[in-house]
Amino acid sequence: MSTTALLDRPTTAVRHLRAVNHPAVAEASDAPAAAPAAEAPQAASRALPAGTAPRGFALYVGLDEAKAAASGVSLGVLVDALRRTIAELAPSAETYATVALAPVGAGGRDVDVVRLALHEPSAVARTKQEEPEDEDPSAGGVVVDISRKRVLIDGESAAFTFKEFELLQYLVLREGRTIERTELVTSLWQGTTDDDAPGERTIDVHVRRLRAKLGRYEDIVRTVRGVGYRFDRHADVVIRYGHGTPSPDRF
């Protein structure tokens, strides 16, 4: 199937994806849909934690560039085809795509590697069982633990808020690159209304609080005057990614 066909016929693209991985499912999908309305109540009846409601879903796809090329496509083409399909079926849906990076030669099933690289909660939880729980209180420096969402300063856990950690993590995953304030607002406050989203100067307040908690290591978050902020790694800073490599890159 050509790249053009995938882009112009998103529904066919989804069937093509199913055919590659599950031929039997593809055959069933080409047949007339059997009572789709009857299936919706069953899905909706699944037990949910109290006080929660579905806001979307994540689809993890295990496929490297070589395998995609062998099928005559690329990862970007597949993402675009899926987005077009979603836009056709649910025009009001918002989408976000990111490529999952993993160390060269990483073993295991592709989809499991992807889930860990993108820090899917249940995949990360399994890796925690394999990691030592005890920390050396005499260890100096800063440890930014991406997999466990925490920061250790001189061996002690720092009391970072969720948003403060998100801010530090965003800079860490883009090490050495200056991030503009507008990008931080857009990326870290996605889905919020204009009233809830902070202004660019509010970012400065968040950064000041972040630096205050970093103490004598505050200069790892540098101000680039008139532009934004940058993370500079020092010799006494350690970044822990778990078993996966961080994957901030968007399609």
C-alpha atoms as a PDB file:
ATOM      1  CA  MET A   1       0.000   0.000   0.000  1.00  0.00           C
ATOM      2  CA  SER A   2       1.405   3.384  -0.976  1.00  0.00           C
ATOM      3  CA  THR A   3       2.054   6.246   1.416  1.00  0.00           C
ATOM      4  CA  THR A   4      -0.512   8.358  -0.420  1.00  0.00           C
ATOM      5  CA  ALA A   5      -3.160   5.699   0.036  1.00  0.00           C
ATOM      6  CA  LEU A   6      -2.523   5.623   3.773  1.00  0.00           C
ATOM      7  CA  LEU A   7      -2.946   9.362   4.077  1.00  0.00           C
ATOM      8  CA  ASP A   8      -5.963   9.658   1.788  1.00  0.00           C
ATOM      9  CA  ARG A   9      -7.818   6.685   3.221  1.00  0.00           C
ATOM     10  CA  PRO A  10      -7.316   6.694   7.005  1.00  0.00           C
ATOM     11  CA  THR A  11      -9.889   3.981   7.646  1.00  0.00           C
ATOM     12  CA  THR A  12      -8.061   1.722   5.214  1.00  0.00           C
ATOM     13  CA  ALA A  13      -4.806   2.628   6.989  1.00  0.00           C
ATOM     14  CA  VAL A  14      -6.168   1.353  10.290  1.00  0.00           C
ATOM     15  CA  ARG A  15      -7.253  -1.883   8.614  1.00  0.00           C
ATOM     16  CA  HIS A  16      -3.770  -2.149   7.117  1.00  0.00           C
ATOM     17  CA  LEU A  17      -2.213  -1.804  10.578  1.00  0.00           C
ATOM     18  CA  ARG A  18      -4.502  -4.492  11.921  1.00  0.00           C
ATOM     19  CA  ALA A  19      -3.659  -6.761   9.008  1.00  0.00           C
ATOM     20  CA  VAL A  20       0.076  -6.459   9.684  1.00  0.00           C
ATOM     21  CA  ASN A  21      -0.214  -7.489  13.312  1.00  0.00           C
ATOM     22  CA  HIS A  22      -3.449  -9.475  13.480  1.00  0.00           C
ATOM     23  CA  PRO A  23      -4.677 -10.788  10.094  1.00  0.00           C
ATOM     24  CA  ALA A  24      -7.709 -12.422  11.679  1.00  0.00           C
ATOM     25  CA  VAL A  25      -8.777  -9.137  13.227  1.00  0.00           C
ATOM     26  CA  ALA A  26      -8.373  -7.404   9.864  1.00  0.00           C
ATOM     27  CA  GLU A  27     -10.721  -9.897   8.208  1.00  0.00           C
ATOM     28  CA  ALA A  28     -13.307  -9.279  10.893  1.00  0.00           C
ATOM     29  CA  SER A  29     -12.949  -5.502  10.569  1.00  0.00           C
ATOM     30  CA  ASP A  30     -13.703  -5.671   6.832  1.00  0.00           C
ATOM     31  CA  ALA A  31     -17.003  -7.386   7.564  1.00  0.00           C
ATOM     32  CA  PRO A  32     -20.140  -5.373   8.436  1.00  0.00           C
ATOM     33  CA  ALA A  33     -20.056  -4.120  12.013  1.00  0.00           C
ATOM     34  CA  ALA A  34     -22.144  -6.262  14.321  1.00  0.00           C
ATOM     35  CA  ALA A  35     -24.429  -4.224  16.572  1.00  0.00           C
ATOM     36  CA  PRO A  36     -21.920  -1.496  17.565  1.00  0.00           C
ATOM     37  CA  ALA A  37     -24.542   0.255  19.679  1.00  0.00           C
ATOM     38  CA  ALA A  38     -24.894  -2.820  21.872  1.00  0.00           C
ATOM     39  CA  GLU A  39     -21.166  -2.802  22.653  1.00  0.00           C
ATOM     40  CA  ALA A  40     -21.055   0.773  23.964  1.00  0.00           C
ATOM     41  CA  PRO A  41     -23.046   0.165  27.166  1.00  0.00           C
ATOM     42  CA  GLN A  42     -20.819  -2.802  27.973  1.00  0.00           C
ATOM     43  CA  ALA A  43     -17.656  -0.677  27.679  1.00  0.00           C
ATOM     44  CA  ALA A  44     -19.213   2.114  29.702  1.00  0.00           C
ATOM     45  CA  SER A  45     -20.194  -0.271  32.476  1.00  0.00           C
ATOM     46  CA  ARG A  46     -16.594  -1.084  33.418  1.00  0.00           C
ATOM     47  CA  ALA A  47     -15.849  -0.142  37.007  1.00  0.00           C
ATOM     48  CA  LEU A  48     -13.949   3.124  37.409  1.00  0.00           C
ATOM     49  CA  PRO A  49     -12.304   4.516  40.537  1.00  0.00           C
ATOM     50  CA  ALA A  50     -14.681   6.754  42.452  1.00  0.00           C
ATOM     51  CA  GLY A  51     -14.565  10.382  41.412  1.00  0.00           C
ATOM     52  CA  THR A  52     -12.932   9.697  38.037  1.00  0.00           C
ATOM     53  CA  ALA A  53     -14.114   9.884  34.437  1.00  0.00           C
ATOM     54  CA  PRO A  54     -12.429   8.885  31.149  1.00  0.00           C
ATOM     55  CA  ARG A  55     -10.739  11.795  29.373  1.00  0.00           C
ATOM     56  CA  GLY A  56      -9.030   9.937  26.534  1.00  0.00           C
ATOM     57  CA  PHE A  57      -6.780   6.969  25.862  1.00  0.00           C
ATOM     58  CA  ALA A  58      -3.205   6.080  24.931  1.00  0.00           C
ATOM     59  CA  LEU A  59      -2.326   3.630  22.167  1.00  0.00           C
ATOM     60  CA  TYR A  60       1.205   2.207  22.394  1.00  0.00           C
ATOM     61  CA  VAL A  61       2.530   0.926  19.064  1.00  0.00           C
ATOM     62  CA  GLY A  62       5.640  -1.261  18.983  1.00  0.00           C
ATOM     63  CA  LEU A  63       7.260  -0.753  15.568  1.00  0.00           C
ATOM     64  CA  ASP A  64      10.771   0.349  14.690  1.00  0.00           C
ATOM     65  CA  GLU A  65      11.690   2.299  11.572  1.00  0.00           C
ATOM     66  CA  ALA A  66      13.099  -0.739   9.765  1.00  0.00           C
ATOM     67  CA  LYS A  67       9.891  -2.739  10.210  1.00  0.00           C
ATOM     68  CA  ALA A  68       7.807   0.247   9.145  1.00  0.00           C
ATOM     69  CA  ALA A  69       9.945   0.701   6.029  1.00  0.00           C
ATOM     70  CA  ALA A  70       9.538  -2.978   5.196  1.00  0.00           C
ATOM     71  CA  SER A  71       5.781  -2.327   5.123  1.00  0.00           C
ATOM     72  CA  GLY A  72       6.288   0.651   2.820  1.00  0.00           C
ATOM     73  CA  VAL A  73       5.517   3.327   5.413  1.00  0.00           C
ATOM     74  CA  SER A  74       7.210   5.418   8.103  1.00  0.00           C
ATOM     75  CA  LEU A  75       6.290   6.137  11.706  1.00  0.00           C
ATOM     76  CA  GLY A  76       5.305   9.687  10.785  1.00  0.00           C
ATOM     77  CA  VAL A  77       2.993   8.450   8.027  1.00  0.00           C
ATOM     78  CA  LEU A  78       1.275   6.042  10.426  1.00  0.00           C
ATOM     79  CA  VAL A  79       0.792   8.773  13.042  1.00  0.00           C
ATOM     80  CA  ASP A  80      -0.684  11.085  10.415  1.00  0.00           C
ATOM     81  CA  ALA A  81      -3.028   8.361   9.156  1.00  0.00           C
ATOM     82  CA  LEU A  82      -4.283   7.610  12.675  1.00  0.00           C
ATOM     83  CA  ARG A  83      -4.801  11.293  13.379  1.00  0.00           C
ATOM     84  CA  ARG A  84      -6.855  11.659  10.230  1.00  0.00           C
ATOM     85  CA  THR A  85      -8.964   8.669  11.218  1.00  0.00           C
ATOM     86  CA  ILE A  86      -9.596  10.116  14.680  1.00  0.00           C
ATOM     87  CA  ALA A  87     -10.471  13.493  13.158  1.00  0.00           C
ATOM     88  CA  GLU A  88     -12.939  11.747  10.848  1.00  0.00           C
ATOM     89  CA  LEU A  89     -14.604   9.759  13.638  1.00  0.00           C
ATOM     90  CA  ALA A  90     -14.389  12.368  16.418  1.00  0.00           C
ATOM     91  CA  PRO A  91     -13.669  15.874  15.071  1.00  0.00           C
ATOM     92  CA  SER A  92     -13.525  17.392  18.552  1.00  0.00           C
ATOM     93  CA  ALA A  93     -10.752  15.031  19.750  1.00  0.00           C
ATOM     94  CA  GLU A  94      -7.334  16.466  20.586  1.00  0.00           C
ATOM     95  CA  THR A  95      -4.265  14.357  19.814  1.00  0.00           C
ATOM     96  CA  TYR A  96      -0.649  14.327  20.915  1.00  0.00           C
ATOM     97  CA  ALA A  97       2.009  11.991  19.518  1.00  0.00           C
ATOM     98  CA  THR A  98       5.566  11.313  20.618  1.00  0.00           C
ATOM     99  CA  VAL A  99       8.225   8.942  19.333  1.00  0.00           C
ATOM    100  CA  ALA A 100       9.551   6.407  21.844  1.00  0.00           C
ATOM    101  CA  LEU A 101      13.344   6.186  21.992  1.00  0.00           C
ATOM    102  CA  ALA A 102      15.145   3.167  23.431  1.00  0.00           C
ATOM    103  CA  PRO A 103      18.796   2.121  23.696  1.00  0.00           C
ATOM    104  CA  VAL A 104      20.118   0.424  20.551  1.00  0.00           C
ATOM    105  CA  GLY A 105      19.865  -3.335  20.948  1.00  0.00           C
ATOM    106  CA  ALA A 106      17.283  -3.161  23.746  1.00  0.00           C
ATOM    107  CA  GLY A 107      15.665  -6.562  24.008  1.00  0.00           C
ATOM    108  CA  GLY A 108      12.088  -7.551  24.728  1.00  0.00           C
ATOM    109  CA  ARG A 109       8.851  -7.003  22.843  1.00  0.00           C
ATOM    110  CA  ASP A 110       8.712  -3.722  20.945  1.00  0.00           C
ATOM    111  CA  VAL A 111       5.475  -2.618  22.593  1.00  0.00           C
ATOM    112  CA  ASP A 112       6.866  -3.278  26.088  1.00  0.00           C
ATOM    113  CA  VAL A 113       9.984  -1.247  25.293  1.00  0.00           C
ATOM    114  CA  VAL A 114       7.738   1.581  24.061  1.00  0.00           C
ATOM    115  CA  ARG A 115       5.569   1.518  27.199  1.00  0.00           C
ATOM    116  CA  LEU A 116       8.637   1.786  29.419  1.00  0.00           C
ATOM    117  CA  ALA A 117      10.308   4.483  27.302  1.00  0.00           C
ATOM    118  CA  LEU A 118       7.137   6.577  27.563  1.00  0.00           C
ATOM    119  CA  HIS A 119       6.848   5.866  31.303  1.00  0.00           C
ATOM    120  CA  GLU A 120       3.494   4.121  31.181  1.00  0.00           C
ATOM    121  CA  PRO A 121       2.595   3.675  34.879  1.00  0.00           C
ATOM    122  CA  SER A 122       2.217  -0.102  35.037  1.00  0.00           C
ATOM    123  CA  ALA A 123       5.426  -0.629  33.039  1.00  0.00           C
ATOM    124  CA  VAL A 124       7.344   1.727  35.323  1.00  0.00           C
ATOM    125  CA  ALA A 125       5.855   0.034  38.406  1.00  0.00           C
ATOM    126  CA  ARG A 126       7.373  -3.272  37.330  1.00  0.00           C
ATOM    127  CA  THR A 127      10.837  -1.736  37.004  1.00  0.00           C
ATOM    128  CA  LYS A 128      10.578  -0.280  40.518  1.00  0.00           C
ATOM    129  CA  GLN A 129      10.391  -3.811  41.894  1.00  0.00           C
ATOM    130  CA  GLU A 130      13.795  -4.472  40.335  1.00  0.00           C
ATOM    131  CA  GLU A 131      15.480  -1.330  41.652  1.00  0.00           C
ATOM    132  CA  PRO A 132      17.023  -0.948  45.138  1.00  0.00           C
ATOM    133  CA  GLU A 133      14.817   1.028  47.511  1.00  0.00           C
ATOM    134  CA  ASP A 134      17.545   2.206  49.873  1.00  0.00           C
ATOM    135  CA  GLU A 135      19.397   5.425  49.139  1.00  0.00           C
ATOM    136  CA  ASP A 136      22.784   6.372  50.510  1.00  0.00           C
ATOM    137  CA  PRO A 137      22.102   9.382  52.785  1.00  0.00           C
ATOM    138  CA  SER A 138      25.783  10.351  52.571  1.00  0.00           C
ATOM    139  CA  ALA A 139      25.649  10.679  48.779  1.00  0.00           C
ATOM    140  CA  GLY A 140      26.064  14.269  47.640  1.00  0.00           C
ATOM    141  CA  GLY A 141      24.667  16.036  44.618  1.00  0.00           C
ATOM    142  CA  VAL A 142      21.323  15.990  42.864  1.00  0.00           C
ATOM    143  CA  VAL A 143      19.524  12.928  41.532  1.00  0.00           C
ATOM    144  CA  VAL A 144      16.635  13.592  39.152  1.00  0.00           C
ATOM    145  CA  ASP A 145      14.772  10.292  39.057  1.00  0.00           C
ATOM    146  CA  ILE A 146      12.502  10.434  36.016  1.00  0.00           C
ATOM    147  CA  SER A 147      11.114   6.915  36.439  1.00  0.00           C
ATOM    148  CA  ARG A 148      10.043   7.544  40.064  1.00  0.00           C
ATOM    149  CA  LYS A 149       9.137  11.209  39.614  1.00  0.00           C
ATOM    150  CA  ARG A 150      11.301  12.485  42.455  1.00  0.00           C
ATOM    151  CA  VAL A 151      14.406  14.548  43.186  1.00  0.00           C
ATOM    152  CA  LEU A 152      17.068  13.636  45.749  1.00  0.00           C
ATOM    153  CA  ILE A 153      19.329  16.361  47.106  1.00  0.00           C
ATOM    154  CA  ASP A 154      22.373  15.163  49.024  1.00  0.00           C
ATOM    155  CA  GLY A 155      20.630  11.829  49.553  1.00  0.00           C
ATOM    156  CA  GLU A 156      17.365  13.292  50.844  1.00  0.00           C
ATOM    157  CA  SER A 157      14.066  13.396  48.970  1.00  0.00           C
ATOM    158  CA  ALA A 158      13.108  16.974  48.071  1.00  0.00           C
ATOM    159  CA  ALA A 159       9.513  18.140  48.571  1.00  0.00           C
ATOM    160  CA  PHE A 160       8.786  19.080  44.961  1.00  0.00           C
ATOM    161  CA  THR A 161       5.201  19.688  43.921  1.00  0.00           C
ATOM    162  CA  PHE A 162       3.895  17.820  40.877  1.00  0.00           C
ATOM    163  CA  LYS A 163       4.161  20.941  38.697  1.00  0.00           C
ATOM    164  CA  GLU A 164       7.643  21.776  39.960  1.00  0.00           C
ATOM    165  CA  PHE A 165       8.856  18.305  39.054  1.00  0.00           C
ATOM    166  CA  GLU A 166       7.172  18.550  35.644  1.00  0.00           C
ATOM    167  CA  LEU A 167       8.963  21.825  35.028  1.00  0.00           C
ATOM    168  CA  LEU A 168      12.361  20.413  36.002  1.00  0.00           C
ATOM    169  CA  GLN A 169      11.742  17.224  34.026  1.00  0.00           C
ATOM    170  CA  TYR A 170      10.800  19.221  30.911  1.00  0.00           C
ATOM    171  CA  LEU A 171      14.100  21.103  31.075  1.00  0.00           C
ATOM    172  CA  VAL A 172      16.119  17.964  31.899  1.00  0.00           C
ATOM    173  CA  LEU A 173      14.748  16.038  28.916  1.00  0.00           C
ATOM    174  CA  ARG A 174      15.856  18.922  26.686  1.00  0.00           C
ATOM    175  CA  GLU A 175      19.290  19.273  28.245  1.00  0.00           C
ATOM    176  CA  GLY A 176      21.379  22.093  26.830  1.00  0.00           C
ATOM    177  CA  ARG A 177      18.512  23.672  24.870  1.00  0.00           C
ATOM    178  CA  THR A 178      17.060  27.012  25.906  1.00  0.00           C
ATOM    179  CA  ILE A 179      13.291  26.695  26.391  1.00  0.00           C
ATOM    180  CA  GLU A 180      11.183  29.791  25.884  1.00  0.00           C
ATOM    181  CA  ARG A 181       8.584  30.704  28.482  1.00  0.00           C
ATOM    182  CA  THR A 182       5.797  30.409  25.918  1.00  0.00           C
ATOM    183  CA  GLU A 183       6.790  26.796  25.220  1.00  0.00           C
ATOM    184  CA  LEU A 184       6.743  25.955  28.925  1.00  0.00           C
ATOM    185  CA  VAL A 185       3.250  27.396  29.300  1.00  0.00           C
ATOM    186  CA  THR A 186       1.955  25.609  26.190  1.00  0.00           C
ATOM    187  CA  SER A 187       3.516  22.240  27.058  1.00  0.00           C
ATOM    188  CA  LEU A 188       3.018  22.081  30.832  1.00  0.00           C
ATOM    189  CA  TRP A 189      -0.469  23.534  30.975  1.00  0.00           C
ATOM    190  CA  GLN A 190      -2.034  21.703  28.034  1.00  0.00           C
ATOM    191  CA  GLY A 191      -5.780  21.348  28.230  1.00  0.00           C
ATOM    192  CA  THR A 192      -6.262  24.202  30.683  1.00  0.00           C
ATOM    193  CA  THR A 193      -8.470  27.164  29.907  1.00  0.00           C
ATOM    194  CA  ASP A 194      -7.006  30.583  29.227  1.00  0.00           C
ATOM    195  CA  ASP A 195      -8.086  31.641  32.712  1.00  0.00           C
ATOM    196  CA  ASP A 196      -6.233  28.736  34.363  1.00  0.00           C
ATOM    197  CA  ALA A 197      -3.061  28.854  32.262  1.00  0.00           C
ATOM    198  CA  PRO A 198      -0.317  30.997  33.807  1.00  0.00           C
ATOM    199  CA  GLY A 199       1.226  33.981  32.112  1.00  0.00           C
ATOM    200  CA  GLU A 200       4.851  33.943  31.054  1.00  0.00           C
ATOM    201  CA  ARG A 201       5.889  35.846  34.166  1.00  0.00           C
ATOM    202  CA  THR A 202       4.210  33.253  36.354  1.00  0.00           C
ATOM    203  CA  ILE A 203       6.736  30.773  34.952  1.00  0.00           C
ATOM    204  CA  ASP A 204       9.442  32.908  36.558  1.00  0.00           C
ATOM    205  CA  VAL A 205       7.737  32.401  39.922  1.00  0.00           C
ATOM    206  CA  HIS A 206       7.649  28.615  39.427  1.00  0.00           C
ATOM    207  CA  VAL A 207      11.339  28.624  38.484  1.00  0.00           C
ATOM    208  CA  ARG A 208      12.269  30.678  41.563  1.00  0.00           C
ATOM    209  CA  ARG A 209      10.492  28.171  43.802  1.00  0.00           C
ATOM    210  CA  LEU A 210      12.171  25.311  41.973  1.00  0.00           C
ATOM    211  CA  ARG A 211      15.602  26.853  42.448  1.00  0.00           C
ATOM    212  CA  ALA A 212      14.931  27.536  46.108  1.00  0.00           C
ATOM    213  CA  LYS A 213      14.318  23.811  46.654  1.00  0.00           C
ATOM    214  CA  LEU A 214      17.470  22.909  44.700  1.00  0.00           C
ATOM    215  CA  GLY A 215      19.447  24.967  47.229  1.00  0.00           C
ATOM    216  CA  ARG A 216      23.163  25.154  46.440  1.00  0.00           C
ATOM    217  CA  TYR A 217      22.521  23.355  43.163  1.00  0.00           C
ATOM    218  CA  GLU A 218      20.122  26.015  41.886  1.00  0.00           C
ATOM    219  CA  ASP A 219      22.370  26.980  38.983  1.00  0.00           C
ATOM    220  CA  ILE A 220      21.593  23.747  37.111  1.00  0.00           C
ATOM    221  CA  VAL A 221      18.514  25.687  35.950  1.00  0.00           C
ATOM    222  CA  ARG A 222      19.936  28.700  34.158  1.00  0.00           C
ATOM    223  CA  THR A 223      18.193  31.846  32.997  1.00  0.00           C
ATOM    224  CA  VAL A 224      18.844  32.888  29.416  1.00  0.00           C
ATOM    225  CA  ARG A 225      17.993  36.556  29.645  1.00  0.00           C
ATOM    226  CA  GLY A 226      15.186  37.635  27.363  1.00  0.00           C
ATOM    227  CA  VAL A 227      14.541  34.077  26.143  1.00  0.00           C
ATOM    228  CA  GLY A 228      13.793  31.479  28.816  1.00  0.00           C
ATOM    229  CA  TYR A 229      15.496  28.705  30.784  1.00  0.00           C
ATOM    230  CA  ARG A 230      17.998  25.920  30.231  1.00  0.00           C
ATOM    231  CA  PHE A 231      19.106  22.846  32.182  1.00  0.00           C
ATOM    232  CA  ASP A 232      22.892  22.488  32.487  1.00  0.00           C
ATOM    233  CA  ARG A 233      24.126  19.226  33.922  1.00  0.00           C
ATOM    234  CA  HIS A 234      26.987  19.419  36.423  1.00  0.00           C
ATOM    235  CA  ALA A 235      29.315  16.657  37.533  1.00  0.00           C
ATOM    236  CA  ASP A 236      27.291  16.311  40.747  1.00  0.00           C
ATOM    237  CA  VAL A 237      23.973  15.797  38.921  1.00  0.00           C
ATOM    238  CA  VAL A 238      22.670  12.328  38.037  1.00  0.00           C
ATOM    239  CA  ILE A 239      19.660  11.664  35.825  1.00  0.00           C
ATOM    240  CA  ARG A 240      17.888   8.330  36.208  1.00  0.00           C
ATOM    241  CA  TYR A 241      15.647   7.246  33.374  1.00  0.00           C
ATOM    242  CA  GLY A 242      14.841   3.710  34.567  1.00  0.00           C
ATOM    243  CA  HIS A 243      15.392   1.125  31.843  1.00  0.00           C
ATOM    244  CA  GLY A 244      14.148   3.355  29.042  1.00  0.00           C
ATOM    245  CA  THR A 245      15.465   6.453  27.292  1.00  0.00           C
ATOM    246  CA  PRO A 246      13.433   9.676  27.617  1.00  0.00           C
ATOM    247  CA  SER A 247      11.280  10.413  24.593  1.00  0.00           C
ATOM    248  CA  PRO A 248      10.204  14.039  24.402  1.00  0.00           C
ATOM    249  CA  ASP A 249      10.194  14.332  20.611  1.00  0.00           C
ATOM    250  CA  ARG A 250       6.835  15.043  18.983  1.00  0.00           C
ATOM    251  CA  PHE A 251       5.653  14.182  15.509  1.00  0.00           C
END
